[in-house]
Protein backbone atom coordinates (compact mmCIF):
# COMPACT_ATOMS: atom_id res chain seq x y z
CA MET A 1 -0.03 -0.41 -0.06
CA ALA A 2 1.19 3.31 -1.10
CA ARG A 3 2.31 5.84 1.62
CA LEU A 4 -1.13 8.65 2.16
CA ASP A 5 1.24 11.71 3.33
CA ALA A 6 0.04 14.71 4.20
CA ALA A 7 -0.55 16.79 1.38
CA LYS A 8 -2.26 13.73 -0.29
CA ARG A 9 -4.06 13.01 2.41
CA ALA A 10 -5.54 16.96 3.02
CA ASP A 11 -7.02 16.97 -1.26
CA LEU A 12 -8.44 13.77 -0.48
CA PRO A 13 -12.73 14.63 0.10
CA ASP A 14 -14.66 13.53 3.00
CA SER A 15 -16.20 11.36 1.07
CA ALA A 16 -12.66 9.24 0.73
CA PHE A 17 -12.56 8.77 4.61
CA ALA A 18 -15.41 5.86 6.25
CA TYR A 19 -15.52 7.68 9.19
CA VAL A 20 -15.23 11.30 9.76
CA ASP A 21 -16.29 12.53 13.56
CA SER A 22 -17.63 15.78 14.76
CA ARG A 23 -14.88 17.74 14.89
CA GLY A 24 -14.09 16.82 11.41
CA ARG A 25 -11.45 14.50 11.97
CA ARG A 26 -10.90 12.15 9.15
CA ARG A 27 -9.92 8.19 9.75
CA LEU A 28 -9.77 5.00 7.45
CA PRO A 29 -9.12 6.06 4.05
CA ILE A 30 -11.18 4.14 1.73
CA HIS A 31 -9.79 6.08 -1.81
CA ASP A 32 -8.29 3.03 -3.30
CA GLU A 33 -8.14 -1.13 -3.38
CA SER A 34 -5.07 -1.22 -0.97
CA HIS A 35 -6.56 1.72 1.37
CA VAL A 36 -9.50 -0.33 1.93
CA ARG A 37 -8.55 -3.67 2.71
CA ASN A 38 -5.90 -1.62 5.58
CA ALA A 39 -9.49 -0.13 6.54
CA LEU A 40 -11.21 -3.37 6.70
CA SER A 41 -8.37 -5.02 8.87
CA ARG A 42 -8.23 -1.80 10.92
CA PHE A 43 -11.95 -0.59 11.86
CA ASN A 44 -12.06 -2.31 15.46
CA GLN A 45 -9.04 0.14 16.11
CA VAL A 46 -11.05 2.81 15.45
CA ARG A 47 -12.85 5.15 18.52
CA PHE A 48 -16.19 6.20 17.51
CA GLU A 49 -18.06 8.53 19.20
CA ASP A 50 -21.40 6.15 19.16
CA ASP A 51 -22.89 3.20 17.88
CA ARG A 52 -24.40 5.98 14.65
CA ALA A 53 -21.41 7.05 13.57
CA ARG A 54 -19.88 3.13 13.78
CA ASP A 55 -22.50 1.95 11.45
CA ARG A 56 -22.70 5.11 9.39
CA ALA A 57 -18.56 3.95 8.82
CA ARG A 58 -19.24 0.47 8.43
CA LYS A 59 -21.48 0.84 5.95
CA ARG A 60 -19.01 3.50 4.12
CA LEU A 61 -16.43 0.70 4.27
CA LEU A 62 -18.92 -1.98 2.65
CA ASN A 63 -19.76 -0.26 -0.03
CA ALA A 64 -16.63 0.76 -0.76
CA ALA A 65 -15.26 -3.49 -0.56
CA LYS A 66 -18.21 -3.54 -3.05
CA LYS A 67 -16.47 -1.01 -5.49
CA TYR A 68 -13.43 -2.42 -5.81
CA ARG A 69 -15.15 -6.12 -6.14
CA ILE A 70 -13.25 -6.91 -2.51
CA VAL A 71 -14.84 -9.63 -0.39
CA PRO A 72 -14.47 -9.01 3.60
CA VAL A 73 -14.38 -12.38 4.01
CA GLY A 74 -14.58 -12.91 8.32
CA PHE A 75 -15.03 -9.04 8.47
CA ILE A 76 -18.88 -9.09 8.73
CA ALA A 77 -18.77 -12.50 10.57
CA GLY A 78 -16.45 -10.50 13.58
CA GLN A 79 -18.50 -7.67 13.35
CA LEU A 80 -21.62 -9.42 14.55
CA ARG A 81 -19.71 -11.88 16.91
CA SER A 82 -17.96 -8.41 18.34
CA GLU A 83 -21.57 -6.41 18.58
CA ARG A 84 -23.45 -9.37 20.06
CA GLU A 85 -21.40 -9.76 22.94
CA PHE A 86 -21.66 -6.36 23.81
CA GLY A 87 -25.24 -6.66 23.73
CA GLU A 88 -24.76 -9.75 25.96
CA LEU A 89 -22.78 -7.60 28.48
CA ALA A 90 -24.72 -4.60 28.14
CA GLY A 91 -27.67 -6.25 29.11
CA ARG A 92 -29.40 -4.84 25.41
CA GLU A 93 -30.43 -6.43 22.34
CA PRO A 94 -27.04 -5.90 19.62
CA VAL A 95 -28.66 -5.82 16.50
CA ARG A 96 -32.11 -4.01 15.75
CA LEU A 97 -34.36 -6.31 13.56
CA PRO A 98 -36.48 -4.40 10.82
CA THR A 99 -40.32 -4.59 11.50
CA GLY A 100 -43.06 -4.13 9.34
CA PHE A 101 -43.26 -5.57 5.63
CA VAL A 102 -39.62 -7.21 4.96
CA THR A 103 -38.21 -9.79 2.49
CA MET A 104 -36.62 -12.54 4.01
CA LEU A 105 -34.18 -15.26 3.14
CA MET A 106 -33.60 -18.58 4.27
CA THR A 107 -30.59 -21.18 2.74
CA ASP A 108 -29.39 -24.59 4.06
CA VAL A 109 -26.56 -26.69 2.57
CA GLU A 110 -27.83 -29.65 0.36
CA ASP A 111 -27.01 -33.39 1.54
CA SER A 112 -25.36 -31.50 4.49
CA THR A 113 -25.80 -35.31 6.54
CA ALA A 114 -23.22 -36.88 3.98
CA LEU A 115 -20.87 -33.81 4.25
CA VAL A 116 -20.82 -34.81 7.92
CA HIS A 117 -20.17 -38.39 7.41
CA ARG A 118 -17.45 -37.42 4.87
CA LEU A 119 -15.37 -35.03 6.83
CA GLY A 120 -16.28 -35.56 10.40
CA GLU A 121 -14.41 -32.88 12.69
CA ARG A 122 -13.44 -31.30 9.65
CA TYR A 123 -17.14 -30.55 8.44
CA GLY A 124 -17.01 -27.77 11.35
CA THR A 125 -14.32 -25.64 8.74
CA LEU A 126 -16.58 -26.02 5.75
CA ILE A 127 -19.79 -25.14 7.72
CA ASN A 128 -17.92 -21.57 9.10
CA ASP A 129 -16.87 -20.83 5.28
CA VAL A 130 -19.94 -20.93 3.99
CA ARG A 131 -21.22 -19.26 6.83
CA THR A 132 -19.15 -16.67 6.33
CA LEU A 133 -19.75 -16.25 2.67
CA LEU A 134 -23.52 -15.83 3.28
CA THR A 135 -22.56 -12.99 6.30
CA ASP A 136 -20.73 -11.10 3.89
CA ALA A 137 -23.19 -11.18 1.49
CA ALA A 138 -25.92 -10.31 3.19
CA ALA A 139 -23.92 -7.35 4.82
CA GLN A 140 -23.13 -5.84 1.66
CA ALA A 141 -26.79 -5.30 1.18
CA ALA A 142 -27.43 -4.06 3.71
CA GLY A 143 -29.19 -7.01 5.82
CA VAL A 144 -29.74 -8.22 8.94
CA VAL A 145 -28.79 -11.88 9.93
CA VAL A 146 -31.32 -12.96 12.73
CA ASP A 147 -29.90 -16.53 13.23
CA ALA A 148 -27.71 -19.22 12.14
CA ARG A 149 -26.82 -22.17 13.15
CA ALA A 150 -25.84 -25.70 11.72
CA ASP A 151 -25.83 -25.58 8.25
CA GLU A 152 -28.98 -23.04 8.19
CA PHE A 153 -28.72 -19.80 7.64
CA PHE A 154 -31.42 -16.80 7.80
CA ALA A 155 -31.29 -13.53 6.90
CA VAL A 156 -33.81 -10.48 6.56
CA PHE A 157 -33.52 -7.43 4.68
CA GLU A 158 -36.24 -4.24 4.12
CA THR A 159 -36.37 -4.46 0.43
CA PRO A 160 -37.04 -7.86 -2.17
CA ALA A 161 -34.27 -6.51 -4.48
CA ALA A 162 -31.51 -6.39 -1.62
CA ALA A 163 -32.67 -10.44 -0.49
CA LEU A 164 -32.41 -11.00 -4.04
CA ASP A 165 -28.79 -9.48 -4.50
CA THR A 166 -27.57 -11.87 -1.57
CA ALA A 167 -28.73 -14.99 -3.08
CA VAL A 168 -27.83 -14.54 -6.48
CA ALA A 169 -24.27 -13.27 -4.61
CA VAL A 170 -24.38 -16.64 -2.72
CA GLN A 171 -25.38 -19.09 -5.58
CA ARG A 172 -22.72 -17.59 -8.28
CA GLU A 173 -19.82 -17.83 -5.77
CA LEU A 174 -20.12 -21.15 -4.35
CA PRO A 175 -19.30 -22.68 -7.70
CA GLY A 176 -15.74 -21.28 -8.09
CA ARG A 177 -15.03 -22.41 -4.24
CA THR A 178 -12.39 -24.66 -3.48
CA TRP A 179 -13.63 -27.80 -0.90
CA ALA A 180 -12.09 -30.26 1.31
CA ASP A 181 -11.52 -33.52 -0.82
CA GLY A 182 -13.02 -32.09 -4.07
CA LEU A 183 -16.11 -31.76 -2.50
CA ARG A 184 -19.22 -29.97 -4.42
CA VAL A 185 -21.05 -28.24 -1.99
CA ARG A 186 -24.24 -26.28 -2.59
CA VAL A 187 -27.38 -24.65 -0.65
CA ARG A 188 -30.70 -23.87 -1.39
CA ALA A 189 -32.22 -20.65 -0.94
CA GLY A 190 -35.52 -19.66 -0.50
CA ILE A 191 -37.39 -15.66 0.17
CA HIS A 192 -40.21 -14.91 1.43
CA SER A 193 -42.10 -11.49 1.42
CA GLY A 194 -44.61 -10.48 4.57
CA TYR A 195 -44.85 -9.11 8.00
CA PRO A 196 -43.74 -11.62 10.32
CA THR A 197 -43.97 -10.44 14.61
CA LEU A 198 -41.07 -9.76 16.49
CA ASN A 199 -40.93 -11.22 19.61
CA LYS A 200 -38.13 -11.14 22.01
CA GLY A 201 -35.67 -10.49 19.44
CA ALA A 202 -36.95 -12.83 17.23
CA TYR A 203 -39.10 -13.70 14.11
CA ILE A 204 -42.13 -15.68 14.78
CA GLY A 205 -45.30 -16.01 12.66
CA MET A 206 -47.03 -17.61 9.22
CA ALA A 207 -43.93 -15.11 7.06
CA VAL A 208 -41.36 -17.37 9.05
CA HIS A 209 -43.09 -20.50 8.32
CA THR A 210 -43.66 -19.78 4.63
CA VAL A 211 -39.95 -18.69 3.89
CA ALA A 212 -38.75 -21.90 5.87
CA ARG A 213 -40.86 -23.96 3.87
CA VAL A 214 -39.75 -22.61 0.28
CA CYS A 215 -36.52 -22.99 1.63
CA ALA A 216 -36.59 -26.53 2.10
CA ILE A 217 -37.91 -27.50 -1.00
CA ALA A 218 -35.56 -26.09 -3.58
CA HIS A 219 -32.98 -27.69 -5.03
CA GLY A 220 -29.13 -27.09 -4.01
CA GLY A 221 -27.92 -24.40 -5.89
CA GLN A 222 -31.47 -22.92 -6.95
CA ILE A 223 -33.48 -19.73 -5.27
CA LEU A 224 -37.11 -20.38 -4.99
CA ALA A 225 -39.19 -16.78 -4.84
CA SER A 226 -42.78 -17.11 -3.51
CA GLY A 227 -45.53 -15.25 -5.13
CA ASP A 228 -45.57 -11.96 -2.67
CA THR A 229 -41.70 -11.52 -3.01
CA ARG A 230 -41.79 -11.59 -6.37
CA LEU A 231 -44.83 -8.97 -6.41
CA ALA A 232 -42.96 -6.84 -4.14
CA ALA A 233 -40.37 -6.77 -6.23
CA ARG A 234 -42.05 -6.25 -9.68
CA GLU A 235 -40.77 -2.47 -9.93
CA SER A 236 -37.66 -2.76 -7.93
CA ALA A 237 -36.10 -6.29 -9.20
CA PRO A 238 -32.09 -6.33 -9.49
CA PRO A 239 -31.08 -5.77 -13.21
CA GLY A 240 -31.15 -9.14 -15.16
CA VAL A 241 -33.28 -10.81 -12.61
CA ARG A 242 -36.16 -12.91 -13.81
CA PHE A 243 -39.04 -14.92 -12.10
CA ARG A 244 -40.01 -18.15 -14.05
CA SER A 245 -43.12 -19.33 -12.70
CA LEU A 246 -43.55 -22.88 -10.92
CA GLY A 247 -47.17 -22.50 -10.37
CA ASP A 248 -48.77 -22.96 -7.22
CA HIS A 249 -48.03 -25.25 -4.44
CA ARG A 250 -48.93 -26.70 -1.34
CA LEU A 251 -46.68 -26.48 1.27
CA ARG A 252 -46.63 -28.74 4.22
CA GLY A 253 -48.34 -26.68 6.78
CA LEU A 254 -49.35 -23.95 5.06
CA PRO A 255 -53.02 -23.19 4.49
CA GLU A 256 -53.57 -22.12 1.28
CA PRO A 257 -51.05 -23.36 -1.95
CA VAL A 258 -48.40 -20.61 -2.78
CA PRO A 259 -47.50 -19.49 -5.94
CA LEU A 260 -43.22 -20.19 -6.50
CA TYR A 261 -40.99 -18.83 -8.91
CA GLN A 262 -37.40 -19.95 -9.58
CA VAL A 263 -34.87 -16.37 -9.42
CA VAL A 264 -33.20 -16.92 -12.96
CA THR A 265 -30.28 -14.39 -14.01
CA ALA A 266 -26.64 -15.08 -15.63
CA GLY A 267 -24.27 -17.05 -14.11
CA LEU A 268 -26.44 -19.59 -12.04
CA VAL A 269 -28.28 -23.01 -13.44
CA GLY A 270 -31.42 -22.32 -15.00
CA ARG A 271 -32.53 -25.88 -14.90
CA PHE A 272 -33.65 -28.11 -12.05
CA PRO A 273 -36.15 -31.00 -11.03
CA PRO A 274 -39.74 -29.79 -10.21
CA PRO A 275 -40.54 -28.48 -6.74
CA PRO A 276 -40.55 -32.19 -4.32
CA THR A 277 -44.19 -30.79 -3.24
CA ARG A 278 -47.47 -32.66 -3.31
């Protein structure tokens, strides 16, 4: 990384820094790729004036990482862990979950039992790598991770476009990764938009059950979306994303059939068997 001397630093606009405090002091330059990488590694060393300042700086840093096509592996996972630990110590909820109409994304790893049997103790490393990929992708789309346990992952977004961006990014990235023993790791993804109920820091209600059921019938490498998500994204779908109708399907435990759509875009597998529903 080229050294940023005082004269060059002074010439940079405020937008070239992730954090500018109330006194105008500028921290974490992000004007080029090498400084963005440096800012990612030094973020936790900066003293921020308050939580809002920290959140603004983190968003600016992640946007800069996206601009330079840097995948900040481990950065977001570390941020979430530290915030949750601090929240527990402080006796407060560290991550605020959005309320009202939201879009939920659930994923799980296809054939995870077979992977556990094949890898044994090494499965932990694999699932941590998958979880980090999912967490980073969600954070870059301004999503909030609700839960991540075993091979399951649950995130929520204020817009359907953000959830779609996350799912597409993950499904494009996974096939290019190298895994232990040359194994192929695929995740299924389900997306649903609705009004979950927030109860003691967790979502409950029919909307949550719906996204879980949609995820459960997807194939590895596939993204399934409910009709509610397609409707919500009709004017805001990411460029190049289309919805292929798979018809109405009865999902276990749900009283009415759910219209299902496969998310189709460049870089994703286009053909899958029909959903295994009744």
